[in-house]
Amino acid sequence: MSESITAFFALDVHKESLVIALARSGRAAPRFAGTTATVLPELAEALARLCRPSQLLMVYEGGSCSYGFALQL
C-alpha cells in the first residue's frame, strides 16, 4: 500500500450520541476526540477536522448499533 495510515479512530455508538476516540500511528495512547449526534454528516465533519479521511483507518467491532455507520463510512 503506497498510502500510509496516520491515525486510527473508534466509535462508541449509543442511541443518541457517538463518542470518538483517536490514536495517532505509533505508540501514542488513544485519546478522546469528541462526541457527535448519530447522524452521518455530523460524524463525517468531526472526522474531517481530526485528519484527512484518506489517512484514517476505521476499526469495526461487530454490533448492531455501529453496523450502519461502518457501511456508510
Protein backbone atom coordinates (compact mmCIF):
# COMPACT_ATOMS: atom_id res chain seq x y z
CA MET A 1 0.00 0.00 0.00
CA SER A 2 1.56 3.30 -1.06
CA GLU A 3 -0.55 5.45 1.28
CA SER A 4 0.31 5.47 4.94
CA ILE A 5 -2.26 5.45 7.71
CA THR A 6 -1.55 8.23 10.20
CA ALA A 7 -4.45 7.74 12.60
CA PHE A 8 -6.96 5.17 13.78
CA PHE A 9 -10.39 6.02 15.13
CA ALA A 10 -13.01 4.15 17.05
CA LEU A 11 -16.66 4.91 17.72
CA ASP A 12 -18.68 4.14 20.79
CA VAL A 13 -22.20 4.21 19.38
CA HIS A 14 -25.18 4.97 21.58
CA LYS A 15 -28.79 5.65 20.71
CA GLU A 16 -28.39 9.44 20.73
CA SER A 17 -24.64 10.06 20.54
CA LEU A 18 -21.35 8.88 19.08
CA VAL A 19 -18.15 9.10 21.11
CA ILE A 20 -15.00 9.33 19.00
CA ALA A 21 -11.56 8.13 20.11
CA LEU A 22 -8.44 8.75 18.05
CA ALA A 23 -4.99 7.17 18.14
CA ARG A 24 -2.16 8.51 16.04
CA SER A 25 0.05 5.87 14.45
CA GLY A 26 2.97 4.75 16.56
CA ARG A 27 2.90 4.20 20.29
CA ALA A 28 0.81 7.19 21.39
CA ALA A 29 -2.11 6.41 23.67
CA PRO A 30 -5.63 6.83 22.24
CA ARG A 31 -7.43 9.99 23.25
CA PHE A 32 -10.99 11.23 23.49
CA ALA A 33 -11.69 13.26 20.36
CA GLY A 34 -15.29 14.36 20.83
CA THR A 35 -18.96 13.50 20.77
CA THR A 36 -21.43 13.98 17.93
CA ALA A 37 -25.06 13.23 17.21
CA THR A 38 -25.89 9.94 15.50
CA VAL A 39 -26.14 11.42 12.01
CA LEU A 40 -23.59 10.68 9.31
CA PRO A 41 -22.95 14.26 8.10
CA GLU A 42 -22.05 15.40 11.62
CA LEU A 43 -19.76 12.39 12.13
CA ALA A 44 -18.05 12.95 8.76
CA GLU A 45 -17.46 16.62 9.63
CA ALA A 46 -15.96 15.73 13.01
CA LEU A 47 -13.63 13.15 11.45
CA ALA A 48 -12.55 15.57 8.73
CA ARG A 49 -11.49 18.07 11.42
CA LEU A 50 -9.30 15.40 13.03
CA CYS A 51 -7.41 14.14 9.98
CA ARG A 52 -7.69 13.77 6.23
CA PRO A 53 -10.10 10.89 5.50
CA SER A 54 -7.51 9.12 3.33
CA GLN A 55 -5.24 8.88 6.36
CA LEU A 56 -7.80 7.32 8.71
CA LEU A 57 -8.42 3.65 9.31
CA MET A 58 -11.69 2.58 10.88
CA VAL A 59 -11.86 -0.46 13.11
CA TYR A 60 -15.32 -2.02 13.24
CA GLU A 61 -16.39 -4.11 16.20
CA GLY A 62 -19.46 -6.13 15.26
CA GLY A 63 -22.53 -4.73 16.92
CA SER A 64 -25.99 -3.74 15.83
CA CYS A 65 -25.62 -0.05 16.69
CA SER A 66 -22.46 0.68 14.71
CA TYR A 67 -23.05 -1.55 11.67
CA GLY A 68 -24.91 1.17 9.74
CA PHE A 69 -22.14 3.69 10.31
CA ALA A 70 -19.48 1.20 9.21
CA LEU A 71 -21.36 0.61 5.95
CA GLN A 72 -21.88 4.30 5.24
CA LEU A 73 -18.31 5.27 6.02
